[in-house]
């Protein structure tokens, strides 16, 4: 069930949506927190990387560059944050993770943009400009992360409680 939730969350990237408003971070956090330990990082990361390849090459008709690996490194960092939720999954820790995840991604991925895309001068001012011009994308990522993380973790918790409750009731009969 959890593998399917993560897969569906990643596949929604193919549905038209606002820029950077997708459940990608929620899928990484949820997968990191709930998938089997051996799969918690690689499974959601592989799904996102595969979806990036398809989106970049087949949908947007662009080339994959080496800088794409920086994006995947940033995705891995988000999955590791989700993995850290395993032992302390509370509403507060999930809320904090839903804010930290897009922030870490923003820092890592935009450093990669500055470093590899040659859109900005290779100076301190170029780096600052890169981050400043990416703030609208960060805002959408942050809002999406908070909303979708609440949806995935909250929905799963409701399902889990109902499922366990039904099983307990059925066993009592």
C-alpha atoms as a PDB file:
ATOM      1  CA  UNK A   1       0.000   0.000   0.000  1.00  0.00           C
ATOM      2  CA  UNK A   2       2.752   2.483   0.943  1.00  0.00           C
ATOM      3  CA  UNK A   3       4.677   1.763  -2.266  1.00  0.00           C
ATOM      4  CA  UNK A   4       1.533   2.503  -4.261  1.00  0.00           C
ATOM      5  CA  UNK A   5       0.942   5.795  -2.403  1.00  0.00           C
ATOM      6  CA  UNK A   6       4.478   6.951  -3.221  1.00  0.00           C
ATOM      7  CA  UNK A   7       4.128   5.836  -6.860  1.00  0.00           C
ATOM      8  CA  UNK A   8       0.820   7.676  -7.298  1.00  0.00           C
ATOM      9  CA  UNK A   9       2.236  10.817  -5.671  1.00  0.00           C
ATOM     10  CA  UNK A  10       5.161  10.790  -8.111  1.00  0.00           C
ATOM     11  CA  UNK A  11       2.936  10.087 -11.114  1.00  0.00           C
ATOM     12  CA  UNK A  12       0.879  13.203 -10.355  1.00  0.00           C
ATOM     13  CA  UNK A  13       3.872  15.153 -11.675  1.00  0.00           C
ATOM     14  CA  UNK A  14       2.507  14.305 -15.132  1.00  0.00           C
ATOM     15  CA  UNK A  15      -0.817  16.016 -14.422  1.00  0.00           C
ATOM     16  CA  UNK A  16      -0.806  19.733 -15.273  1.00  0.00           C
ATOM     17  CA  UNK A  17      -0.166  21.821 -12.151  1.00  0.00           C
ATOM     18  CA  UNK A  18       1.305  25.132 -11.048  1.00  0.00           C
ATOM     19  CA  UNK A  19       5.098  25.362 -11.263  1.00  0.00           C
ATOM     20  CA  UNK A  20       6.717  23.525  -8.354  1.00  0.00           C
ATOM     21  CA  UNK A  21       3.374  22.621  -6.817  1.00  0.00           C
ATOM     22  CA  UNK A  22       3.481  18.843  -6.747  1.00  0.00           C
ATOM     23  CA  UNK A  23       3.538  16.139  -4.082  1.00  0.00           C
ATOM     24  CA  UNK A  24       7.198  15.253  -4.816  1.00  0.00           C
ATOM     25  CA  UNK A  25       8.524  16.341  -1.412  1.00  0.00           C
ATOM     26  CA  UNK A  26       5.603  14.729   0.394  1.00  0.00           C
ATOM     27  CA  UNK A  27       6.276  11.469  -1.478  1.00  0.00           C
ATOM     28  CA  UNK A  28       9.945  11.597  -0.450  1.00  0.00           C
ATOM     29  CA  UNK A  29       9.119  12.380   3.181  1.00  0.00           C
ATOM     30  CA  UNK A  30       6.355   9.784   3.359  1.00  0.00           C
ATOM     31  CA  UNK A  31       8.455   7.142   1.619  1.00  0.00           C
ATOM     32  CA  UNK A  32      11.419   7.844   3.866  1.00  0.00           C
ATOM     33  CA  UNK A  33       9.236   7.523   6.942  1.00  0.00           C
ATOM     34  CA  UNK A  34       7.100   4.518   5.965  1.00  0.00           C
ATOM     35  CA  UNK A  35       8.749   2.316   3.350  1.00  0.00           C
ATOM     36  CA  UNK A  36      10.869  -0.648   4.382  1.00  0.00           C
ATOM     37  CA  UNK A  37      14.273   0.561   5.547  1.00  0.00           C
ATOM     38  CA  UNK A  38      16.087  -0.851   2.524  1.00  0.00           C
ATOM     39  CA  UNK A  39      13.693   0.951   0.148  1.00  0.00           C
ATOM     40  CA  UNK A  40      13.084   4.218   2.017  1.00  0.00           C
ATOM     41  CA  UNK A  41      15.602   6.278   0.051  1.00  0.00           C
ATOM     42  CA  UNK A  42      16.171   4.551  -3.281  1.00  0.00           C
ATOM     43  CA  UNK A  43      12.531   3.761  -4.192  1.00  0.00           C
ATOM     44  CA  UNK A  44      11.074   7.301  -4.130  1.00  0.00           C
ATOM     45  CA  UNK A  45      14.349   8.696  -5.489  1.00  0.00           C
ATOM     46  CA  UNK A  46      14.348   6.246  -8.413  1.00  0.00           C
ATOM     47  CA  UNK A  47      10.716   7.082  -9.202  1.00  0.00           C
ATOM     48  CA  UNK A  48      11.427  10.808  -9.185  1.00  0.00           C
ATOM     49  CA  UNK A  49      14.594  10.398 -11.254  1.00  0.00           C
ATOM     50  CA  UNK A  50      12.720   8.284 -13.817  1.00  0.00           C
ATOM     51  CA  UNK A  51       9.905  10.838 -13.940  1.00  0.00           C
ATOM     52  CA  UNK A  52      12.500  13.608 -14.402  1.00  0.00           C
ATOM     53  CA  UNK A  53      14.025  11.753 -17.343  1.00  0.00           C
ATOM     54  CA  UNK A  54      10.621  11.296 -18.986  1.00  0.00           C
ATOM     55  CA  UNK A  55       9.483  14.852 -18.281  1.00  0.00           C
ATOM     56  CA  UNK A  56      12.749  16.440 -19.394  1.00  0.00           C
ATOM     57  CA  UNK A  57      13.375  14.420 -22.537  1.00  0.00           C
ATOM     58  CA  UNK A  58       9.931  13.409 -23.788  1.00  0.00           C
ATOM     59  CA  UNK A  59       7.585  16.104 -22.503  1.00  0.00           C
ATOM     60  CA  UNK A  60       9.782  19.231 -22.442  1.00  0.00           C
ATOM     61  CA  UNK A  61      12.137  18.029 -25.211  1.00  0.00           C
ATOM     62  CA  UNK A  62      15.245  19.153 -23.356  1.00  0.00           C
ATOM     63  CA  UNK A  63      18.554  17.440 -22.739  1.00  0.00           C
ATOM     64  CA  UNK A  64      19.565  16.029 -19.396  1.00  0.00           C
ATOM     65  CA  UNK A  65      22.660  17.768 -18.126  1.00  0.00           C
ATOM     66  CA  UNK A  66      25.107  16.759 -15.401  1.00  0.00           C
ATOM     67  CA  UNK A  67      23.503  19.393 -13.166  1.00  0.00           C
ATOM     68  CA  UNK A  68      20.381  17.191 -13.017  1.00  0.00           C
ATOM     69  CA  UNK A  69      22.328  14.950 -10.641  1.00  0.00           C
ATOM     70  CA  UNK A  70      22.408  17.868  -8.184  1.00  0.00           C
ATOM     71  CA  UNK A  71      18.604  17.863  -8.238  1.00  0.00           C
ATOM     72  CA  UNK A  72      18.611  14.135  -7.505  1.00  0.00           C
ATOM     73  CA  UNK A  73      21.060  14.731  -4.658  1.00  0.00           C
ATOM     74  CA  UNK A  74      18.593  17.302  -3.282  1.00  0.00           C
ATOM     75  CA  UNK A  75      15.751  14.756  -3.620  1.00  0.00           C
ATOM     76  CA  UNK A  76      17.881  12.230  -1.720  1.00  0.00           C
ATOM     77  CA  UNK A  77      18.402  14.780   1.067  1.00  0.00           C
ATOM     78  CA  UNK A  78      14.615  15.163   1.365  1.00  0.00           C
ATOM     79  CA  UNK A  79      14.157  11.373   1.537  1.00  0.00           C
ATOM     80  CA  UNK A  80      16.766  11.255   4.314  1.00  0.00           C
ATOM     81  CA  UNK A  81      14.781  13.886   6.211  1.00  0.00           C
ATOM     82  CA  UNK A  82      11.735  11.612   5.841  1.00  0.00           C
ATOM     83  CA  UNK A  83      13.801   8.664   7.053  1.00  0.00           C
ATOM     84  CA  UNK A  84      14.584  10.708  10.164  1.00  0.00           C
ATOM     85  CA  UNK A  85      10.858  10.844  10.960  1.00  0.00           C
ATOM     86  CA  UNK A  86      10.708   7.077  11.588  1.00  0.00           C
ATOM     87  CA  UNK A  87      11.391   7.246  15.328  1.00  0.00           C
ATOM     88  CA  UNK A  88       9.643  10.524  16.070  1.00  0.00           C
ATOM     89  CA  UNK A  89       6.641  10.844  13.809  1.00  0.00           C
ATOM     90  CA  UNK A  90       4.517  13.495  15.486  1.00  0.00           C
ATOM     91  CA  UNK A  91       2.375  16.242  14.010  1.00  0.00           C
ATOM     92  CA  UNK A  92       5.060  18.767  14.989  1.00  0.00           C
ATOM     93  CA  UNK A  93       7.975  16.792  13.512  1.00  0.00           C
ATOM     94  CA  UNK A  94       6.059  16.174  10.276  1.00  0.00           C
ATOM     95  CA  UNK A  95       5.161  19.874  10.047  1.00  0.00           C
ATOM     96  CA  UNK A  96       8.797  20.889  10.588  1.00  0.00           C
ATOM     97  CA  UNK A  97       9.966  18.322   8.012  1.00  0.00           C
ATOM     98  CA  UNK A  98       7.435  19.665   5.490  1.00  0.00           C
ATOM     99  CA  UNK A  99       9.111  23.089   5.800  1.00  0.00           C
ATOM    100  CA  UNK A 100      12.711  21.881   6.005  1.00  0.00           C
ATOM    101  CA  UNK A 101      12.369  19.595   2.955  1.00  0.00           C
ATOM    102  CA  UNK A 102      11.677  22.279   0.314  1.00  0.00           C
ATOM    103  CA  UNK A 103      14.166  24.583   2.016  1.00  0.00           C
ATOM    104  CA  UNK A 104      16.990  22.035   1.771  1.00  0.00           C
ATOM    105  CA  UNK A 105      15.956  21.257  -1.795  1.00  0.00           C
ATOM    106  CA  UNK A 106      15.923  24.980  -2.635  1.00  0.00           C
ATOM    107  CA  UNK A 107      19.424  25.493  -1.256  1.00  0.00           C
ATOM    108  CA  UNK A 108      20.974  22.457  -2.952  1.00  0.00           C
ATOM    109  CA  UNK A 109      19.184  22.619  -6.298  1.00  0.00           C
ATOM    110  CA  UNK A 110      19.672  26.332  -6.848  1.00  0.00           C
ATOM    111  CA  UNK A 111      23.333  26.002  -6.016  1.00  0.00           C
ATOM    112  CA  UNK A 112      23.404  23.429  -8.825  1.00  0.00           C
ATOM    113  CA  UNK A 113      21.604  25.844 -11.152  1.00  0.00           C
ATOM    114  CA  UNK A 114      24.130  28.567 -10.363  1.00  0.00           C
ATOM    115  CA  UNK A 115      27.032  26.161 -10.744  1.00  0.00           C
ATOM    116  CA  UNK A 116      25.971  24.307 -13.868  1.00  0.00           C
ATOM    117  CA  UNK A 117      23.488  26.242 -15.957  1.00  0.00           C
ATOM    118  CA  UNK A 118      25.636  29.328 -16.600  1.00  0.00           C
ATOM    119  CA  UNK A 119      22.618  31.583 -16.298  1.00  0.00           C
ATOM    120  CA  UNK A 120      24.314  33.635 -13.599  1.00  0.00           C
ATOM    121  CA  UNK A 121      27.844  34.951 -13.217  1.00  0.00           C
ATOM    122  CA  UNK A 122      30.189  32.691 -11.224  1.00  0.00           C
ATOM    123  CA  UNK A 123      30.388  35.275  -8.448  1.00  0.00           C
ATOM    124  CA  UNK A 124      28.865  35.792  -5.033  1.00  0.00           C
ATOM    125  CA  UNK A 125      26.417  38.276  -6.594  1.00  0.00           C
ATOM    126  CA  UNK A 126      25.472  35.702  -9.247  1.00  0.00           C
ATOM    127  CA  UNK A 127      24.742  33.135  -6.543  1.00  0.00           C
ATOM    128  CA  UNK A 128      22.594  35.606  -4.605  1.00  0.00           C
ATOM    129  CA  UNK A 129      20.730  36.539  -7.813  1.00  0.00           C
ATOM    130  CA  UNK A 130      20.109  32.853  -8.527  1.00  0.00           C
ATOM    131  CA  UNK A 131      18.541  32.323  -5.113  1.00  0.00           C
ATOM    132  CA  UNK A 132      16.580  35.577  -5.224  1.00  0.00           C
ATOM    133  CA  UNK A 133      15.049  34.850  -8.635  1.00  0.00           C
ATOM    134  CA  UNK A 134      14.091  31.327  -7.512  1.00  0.00           C
ATOM    135  CA  UNK A 135      12.045  32.535  -4.522  1.00  0.00           C
ATOM    136  CA  UNK A 136       8.672  32.325  -6.361  1.00  0.00           C
ATOM    137  CA  UNK A 137       9.390  28.656  -7.114  1.00  0.00           C
ATOM    138  CA  UNK A 138      10.381  28.101  -3.493  1.00  0.00           C
ATOM    139  CA  UNK A 139       7.092  29.600  -2.327  1.00  0.00           C
ATOM    140  CA  UNK A 140       5.093  27.107  -4.405  1.00  0.00           C
ATOM    141  CA  UNK A 141       7.326  24.230  -3.281  1.00  0.00           C
ATOM    142  CA  UNK A 142       6.847  25.215   0.341  1.00  0.00           C
ATOM    143  CA  UNK A 143       3.065  25.465   0.054  1.00  0.00           C
ATOM    144  CA  UNK A 144       2.862  22.179  -1.859  1.00  0.00           C
ATOM    145  CA  UNK A 145       5.112  20.422   0.630  1.00  0.00           C
ATOM    146  CA  UNK A 146       2.993  21.517   3.579  1.00  0.00           C
ATOM    147  CA  UNK A 147      -0.315  20.677   1.876  1.00  0.00           C
ATOM    148  CA  UNK A 148       0.652  17.329   0.364  1.00  0.00           C
ATOM    149  CA  UNK A 149       2.625  16.188   3.404  1.00  0.00           C
ATOM    150  CA  UNK A 150      -0.436  16.827   5.572  1.00  0.00           C
ATOM    151  CA  UNK A 151      -2.572  14.961   3.022  1.00  0.00           C
ATOM    152  CA  UNK A 152      -0.284  11.909   2.749  1.00  0.00           C
ATOM    153  CA  UNK A 153       0.625  11.539   6.416  1.00  0.00           C
ATOM    154  CA  UNK A 154      -2.832  12.535   7.675  1.00  0.00           C
ATOM    155  CA  UNK A 155      -4.695  10.406   5.159  1.00  0.00           C
ATOM    156  CA  UNK A 156      -2.502   7.416   5.896  1.00  0.00           C
ATOM    157  CA  UNK A 157      -2.984   7.841   9.642  1.00  0.00           C
ATOM    158  CA  UNK A 158      -6.768   8.011   9.220  1.00  0.00           C
ATOM    159  CA  UNK A 159      -6.676   4.913   7.015  1.00  0.00           C
ATOM    160  CA  UNK A 160      -4.407   3.096   9.464  1.00  0.00           C
ATOM    161  CA  UNK A 161      -6.635   3.880  12.451  1.00  0.00           C
ATOM    162  CA  UNK A 162      -9.797   2.832  10.621  1.00  0.00           C
ATOM    163  CA  UNK A 163      -8.155  -0.317   9.284  1.00  0.00           C
ATOM    164  CA  UNK A 164      -6.793  -1.305  12.681  1.00  0.00           C
ATOM    165  CA  UNK A 165     -10.092  -0.367  14.294  1.00  0.00           C
ATOM    166  CA  UNK A 166     -12.039  -2.570  11.858  1.00  0.00           C
ATOM    167  CA  UNK A 167      -9.668  -5.464  12.403  1.00  0.00           C
ATOM    168  CA  UNK A 168      -9.912  -5.118  16.165  1.00  0.00           C
ATOM    169  CA  UNK A 169     -13.733  -5.018  15.981  1.00  0.00           C
ATOM    170  CA  UNK A 170     -13.824  -8.049  13.680  1.00  0.00           C
ATOM    171  CA  UNK A 171     -11.525  -9.998  15.984  1.00  0.00           C
ATOM    172  CA  UNK A 172     -13.754  -9.229  18.982  1.00  0.00           C
ATOM    173  CA  UNK A 173     -16.756 -10.927  17.344  1.00  0.00           C
END
